[in-house]
Amino acid sequence: MQKRNEAANSPTASATQQATQSQGQSTPAGSASAQAPGQGQAPAQTQTTARQGRREGVRGPRRKVCQFCHDRVREIDYKDAARFLKRYISDRGKIEPRRKTGTCAKHQRALSRALKQARFMALLPYTAEHMRSM
């Protein structure tokens, strides 16, 4: 044990460690064996890179809040199509789902009813603009 510590503290051992660290390989002090070609990185290095790419919290992505509940809207009116109902229609002319908009079930039902009424009254288009020209 004492010889290993002395070998690790010698100037040649520290120079060898610095050379291997500059190449991106991390070997424990005193071991002269390097990684064989074809072997991956150490598990600790792979875990840290996987964590850096993920921006979600431990419990998952943040839950979306119903905009109508937040603003305390009592009734969704189909006549407000120009103001805010356009936000809830996709570029293809479809009603956006709850998982994308974050609305609660109660307001999603009222929203779809208002969107359908606005379409019927010709305040909103049934199809997207690029589909009408075909």
C-alpha atoms as a PDB file:
ATOM      1  CA  MET A   1       0.000   0.000   0.000  1.00  0.00           C
ATOM      2  CA  GLN A   2       2.813   2.351   0.876  1.00  0.00           C
ATOM      3  CA  LYS A   3       4.616   1.705  -2.415  1.00  0.00           C
ATOM      4  CA  ARG A   4       1.477   2.525  -4.387  1.00  0.00           C
ATOM      5  CA  ASN A   5       1.099   5.904  -2.603  1.00  0.00           C
ATOM      6  CA  GLU A   6       4.777   6.702  -3.152  1.00  0.00           C
ATOM      7  CA  ALA A   7       4.444   5.822  -6.824  1.00  0.00           C
ATOM      8  CA  ALA A   8       1.400   8.061  -7.145  1.00  0.00           C
ATOM      9  CA  ASN A   9       3.250  10.984  -5.539  1.00  0.00           C
ATOM     10  CA  SER A  10       6.329  10.655  -7.749  1.00  0.00           C
ATOM     11  CA  PRO A  11       6.855  13.309 -10.462  1.00  0.00           C
ATOM     12  CA  THR A  12       6.638  10.795 -13.304  1.00  0.00           C
ATOM     13  CA  ALA A  13       3.289   9.458 -12.061  1.00  0.00           C
ATOM     14  CA  SER A  14       1.763  12.934 -11.841  1.00  0.00           C
ATOM     15  CA  ALA A  15       2.987  13.756 -15.353  1.00  0.00           C
ATOM     16  CA  THR A  16       1.408  10.540 -16.633  1.00  0.00           C
ATOM     17  CA  GLN A  17      -1.878  11.408 -14.907  1.00  0.00           C
ATOM     18  CA  GLN A  18      -1.912  14.882 -16.435  1.00  0.00           C
ATOM     19  CA  ALA A  19      -1.236  13.474 -19.894  1.00  0.00           C
ATOM     20  CA  THR A  20      -4.092  10.975 -19.655  1.00  0.00           C
ATOM     21  CA  GLN A  21      -6.500  13.595 -18.289  1.00  0.00           C
ATOM     22  CA  SER A  22      -5.677  15.984 -21.131  1.00  0.00           C
ATOM     23  CA  GLN A  23      -6.555  13.209 -23.605  1.00  0.00           C
ATOM     24  CA  GLY A  24      -9.988  12.817 -21.990  1.00  0.00           C
ATOM     25  CA  GLN A  25      -9.239   9.508 -20.279  1.00  0.00           C
ATOM     26  CA  SER A  26      -9.491   9.268 -16.538  1.00  0.00           C
ATOM     27  CA  THR A  27      -7.517   6.445 -14.956  1.00  0.00           C
ATOM     28  CA  PRO A  28      -7.138   5.893 -11.233  1.00  0.00           C
ATOM     29  CA  ALA A  29      -3.802   6.849  -9.685  1.00  0.00           C
ATOM     30  CA  GLY A  30      -1.193   4.132  -9.922  1.00  0.00           C
ATOM     31  CA  SER A  31      -2.825   2.092 -12.662  1.00  0.00           C
ATOM     32  CA  ALA A  32      -0.927   2.140 -15.899  1.00  0.00           C
ATOM     33  CA  SER A  33      -3.595   0.437 -18.009  1.00  0.00           C
ATOM     34  CA  ALA A  34      -5.530   2.700 -20.356  1.00  0.00           C
ATOM     35  CA  GLN A  35      -8.933   1.971 -21.834  1.00  0.00           C
ATOM     36  CA  ALA A  36      -8.921  -0.292 -24.818  1.00  0.00           C
ATOM     37  CA  PRO A  37     -10.164   1.208 -28.071  1.00  0.00           C
ATOM     38  CA  GLY A  38     -13.833   0.535 -28.672  1.00  0.00           C
ATOM     39  CA  GLN A  39     -14.817   0.810 -25.022  1.00  0.00           C
ATOM     40  CA  GLY A  40     -17.191   3.630 -24.062  1.00  0.00           C
ATOM     41  CA  GLN A  41     -16.748   6.320 -21.487  1.00  0.00           C
ATOM     42  CA  ALA A  42     -16.840   5.698 -17.777  1.00  0.00           C
ATOM     43  CA  PRO A  43     -20.394   5.407 -16.362  1.00  0.00           C
ATOM     44  CA  ALA A  44     -20.022   8.606 -14.323  1.00  0.00           C
ATOM     45  CA  GLN A  45     -19.251  10.641 -17.446  1.00  0.00           C
ATOM     46  CA  THR A  46     -22.210   9.244 -19.386  1.00  0.00           C
ATOM     47  CA  GLN A  47     -24.653   9.972 -16.572  1.00  0.00           C
ATOM     48  CA  THR A  48     -23.624  13.609 -16.317  1.00  0.00           C
ATOM     49  CA  THR A  49     -24.021  14.205 -20.053  1.00  0.00           C
ATOM     50  CA  ALA A  50     -27.461  12.573 -20.008  1.00  0.00           C
ATOM     51  CA  ARG A  51     -28.551  14.852 -17.175  1.00  0.00           C
ATOM     52  CA  GLN A  52     -27.358  17.985 -18.947  1.00  0.00           C
ATOM     53  CA  GLY A  53     -29.537  17.360 -22.000  1.00  0.00           C
ATOM     54  CA  ARG A  54     -32.720  17.000 -19.948  1.00  0.00           C
ATOM     55  CA  ARG A  55     -34.286  20.237 -18.744  1.00  0.00           C
ATOM     56  CA  GLU A  56     -37.346  18.782 -17.054  1.00  0.00           C
ATOM     57  CA  GLY A  57     -37.630  18.525 -13.313  1.00  0.00           C
ATOM     58  CA  VAL A  58     -37.517  15.312 -11.330  1.00  0.00           C
ATOM     59  CA  ARG A  59     -41.297  15.022 -11.451  1.00  0.00           C
ATOM     60  CA  GLY A  60     -41.579  15.739 -15.177  1.00  0.00           C
ATOM     61  CA  PRO A  61     -42.494  18.810 -17.200  1.00  0.00           C
ATOM     62  CA  ARG A  62     -44.428  21.628 -15.595  1.00  0.00           C
ATOM     63  CA  ARG A  63     -48.190  21.262 -15.861  1.00  0.00           C
ATOM     64  CA  LYS A  64     -50.039  23.782 -18.013  1.00  0.00           C
ATOM     65  CA  VAL A  65     -52.642  25.965 -16.340  1.00  0.00           C
ATOM     66  CA  CYS A  66     -56.116  26.554 -17.751  1.00  0.00           C
ATOM     67  CA  GLN A  67     -56.103  30.138 -19.009  1.00  0.00           C
ATOM     68  CA  PHE A  68     -59.861  30.464 -18.500  1.00  0.00           C
ATOM     69  CA  CYS A  69     -59.656  29.356 -14.853  1.00  0.00           C
ATOM     70  CA  HIS A  70     -56.694  31.665 -14.282  1.00  0.00           C
ATOM     71  CA  ASP A  71     -58.579  34.668 -15.720  1.00  0.00           C
ATOM     72  CA  ARG A  72     -61.811  33.580 -13.986  1.00  0.00           C
ATOM     73  CA  VAL A  73     -63.813  33.594 -17.220  1.00  0.00           C
ATOM     74  CA  ARG A  74     -67.440  32.729 -16.514  1.00  0.00           C
ATOM     75  CA  GLU A  75     -68.588  32.101 -20.063  1.00  0.00           C
ATOM     76  CA  ILE A  76     -66.739  31.517 -23.329  1.00  0.00           C
ATOM     77  CA  ASP A  77     -68.579  33.448 -26.010  1.00  0.00           C
ATOM     78  CA  TYR A  78     -68.401  32.478 -29.686  1.00  0.00           C
ATOM     79  CA  LYS A  79     -68.429  36.177 -30.671  1.00  0.00           C
ATOM     80  CA  ASP A  80     -64.928  36.616 -29.226  1.00  0.00           C
ATOM     81  CA  ALA A  81     -63.449  34.639 -32.119  1.00  0.00           C
ATOM     82  CA  ALA A  82     -61.294  37.464 -33.421  1.00  0.00           C
ATOM     83  CA  ARG A  83     -59.893  38.197 -29.977  1.00  0.00           C
ATOM     84  CA  PHE A  84     -58.841  34.856 -28.524  1.00  0.00           C
ATOM     85  CA  LEU A  85     -60.557  31.833 -30.081  1.00  0.00           C
ATOM     86  CA  LYS A  86     -58.064  31.763 -32.971  1.00  0.00           C
ATOM     87  CA  ARG A  87     -55.403  30.691 -30.481  1.00  0.00           C
ATOM     88  CA  TYR A  88     -57.154  27.365 -29.967  1.00  0.00           C
ATOM     89  CA  ILE A  89     -57.254  26.353 -33.647  1.00  0.00           C
ATOM     90  CA  SER A  90     -54.274  24.665 -35.319  1.00  0.00           C
ATOM     91  CA  ASP A  91     -52.786  25.779 -38.613  1.00  0.00           C
ATOM     92  CA  ARG A  92     -54.778  22.969 -40.261  1.00  0.00           C
ATOM     93  CA  GLY A  93     -58.061  24.352 -38.876  1.00  0.00           C
ATOM     94  CA  LYS A  94     -58.529  21.734 -36.147  1.00  0.00           C
ATOM     95  CA  ILE A  95     -59.414  22.412 -32.511  1.00  0.00           C
ATOM     96  CA  GLU A  96     -56.287  22.043 -30.376  1.00  0.00           C
ATOM     97  CA  PRO A  97     -56.419  19.244 -27.753  1.00  0.00           C
ATOM     98  CA  ARG A  98     -56.337  19.814 -24.000  1.00  0.00           C
ATOM     99  CA  ARG A  99     -52.879  18.307 -23.642  1.00  0.00           C
ATOM    100  CA  LYS A 100     -51.489  21.030 -25.888  1.00  0.00           C
ATOM    101  CA  THR A 101     -53.464  24.069 -24.700  1.00  0.00           C
ATOM    102  CA  GLY A 102     -53.654  23.162 -21.015  1.00  0.00           C
ATOM    103  CA  THR A 103     -57.354  23.961 -20.606  1.00  0.00           C
ATOM    104  CA  CYS A 104     -59.394  22.045 -18.050  1.00  0.00           C
ATOM    105  CA  ALA A 105     -62.150  19.633 -19.146  1.00  0.00           C
ATOM    106  CA  LYS A 106     -64.965  22.030 -18.292  1.00  0.00           C
ATOM    107  CA  HIS A 107     -63.533  24.890 -20.312  1.00  0.00           C
ATOM    108  CA  GLN A 108     -62.428  22.619 -23.176  1.00  0.00           C
ATOM    109  CA  ARG A 109     -66.048  21.550 -23.671  1.00  0.00           C
ATOM    110  CA  ALA A 110     -67.222  25.172 -23.628  1.00  0.00           C
ATOM    111  CA  LEU A 111     -64.361  26.170 -25.929  1.00  0.00           C
ATOM    112  CA  SER A 112     -65.180  23.511 -28.519  1.00  0.00           C
ATOM    113  CA  ARG A 113     -68.853  24.498 -28.392  1.00  0.00           C
ATOM    114  CA  ALA A 114     -67.939  28.180 -28.929  1.00  0.00           C
ATOM    115  CA  LEU A 115     -65.538  27.338 -31.765  1.00  0.00           C
ATOM    116  CA  LYS A 116     -68.179  25.265 -33.533  1.00  0.00           C
ATOM    117  CA  GLN A 117     -70.740  28.071 -33.159  1.00  0.00           C
ATOM    118  CA  ALA A 118     -68.225  30.610 -34.484  1.00  0.00           C
ATOM    119  CA  ARG A 119     -67.548  28.386 -37.492  1.00  0.00           C
ATOM    120  CA  PHE A 120     -71.274  28.024 -38.128  1.00  0.00           C
ATOM    121  CA  MET A 121     -71.751  31.814 -37.950  1.00  0.00           C
ATOM    122  CA  ALA A 122     -68.778  32.247 -40.371  1.00  0.00           C
ATOM    123  CA  LEU A 123     -66.616  34.035 -37.794  1.00  0.00           C
ATOM    124  CA  LEU A 124     -63.945  31.326 -38.060  1.00  0.00           C
ATOM    125  CA  PRO A 125     -62.998  29.177 -41.058  1.00  0.00           C
ATOM    126  CA  TYR A 126     -63.654  25.441 -41.146  1.00  0.00           C
ATOM    127  CA  THR A 127     -60.422  24.802 -43.038  1.00  0.00           C
ATOM    128  CA  ALA A 128     -57.005  26.379 -43.067  1.00  0.00           C
ATOM    129  CA  GLU A 129     -56.252  29.123 -45.587  1.00  0.00           C
ATOM    130  CA  HIS A 130     -53.716  27.078 -47.533  1.00  0.00           C
ATOM    131  CA  MET A 131     -56.252  24.263 -47.942  1.00  0.00           C
ATOM    132  CA  ARG A 132     -58.932  26.571 -49.421  1.00  0.00           C
ATOM    133  CA  SER A 133     -56.850  27.510 -52.446  1.00  0.00           C
ATOM    134  CA  MET A 134     -56.613  23.909 -53.681  1.00  0.00           C
END
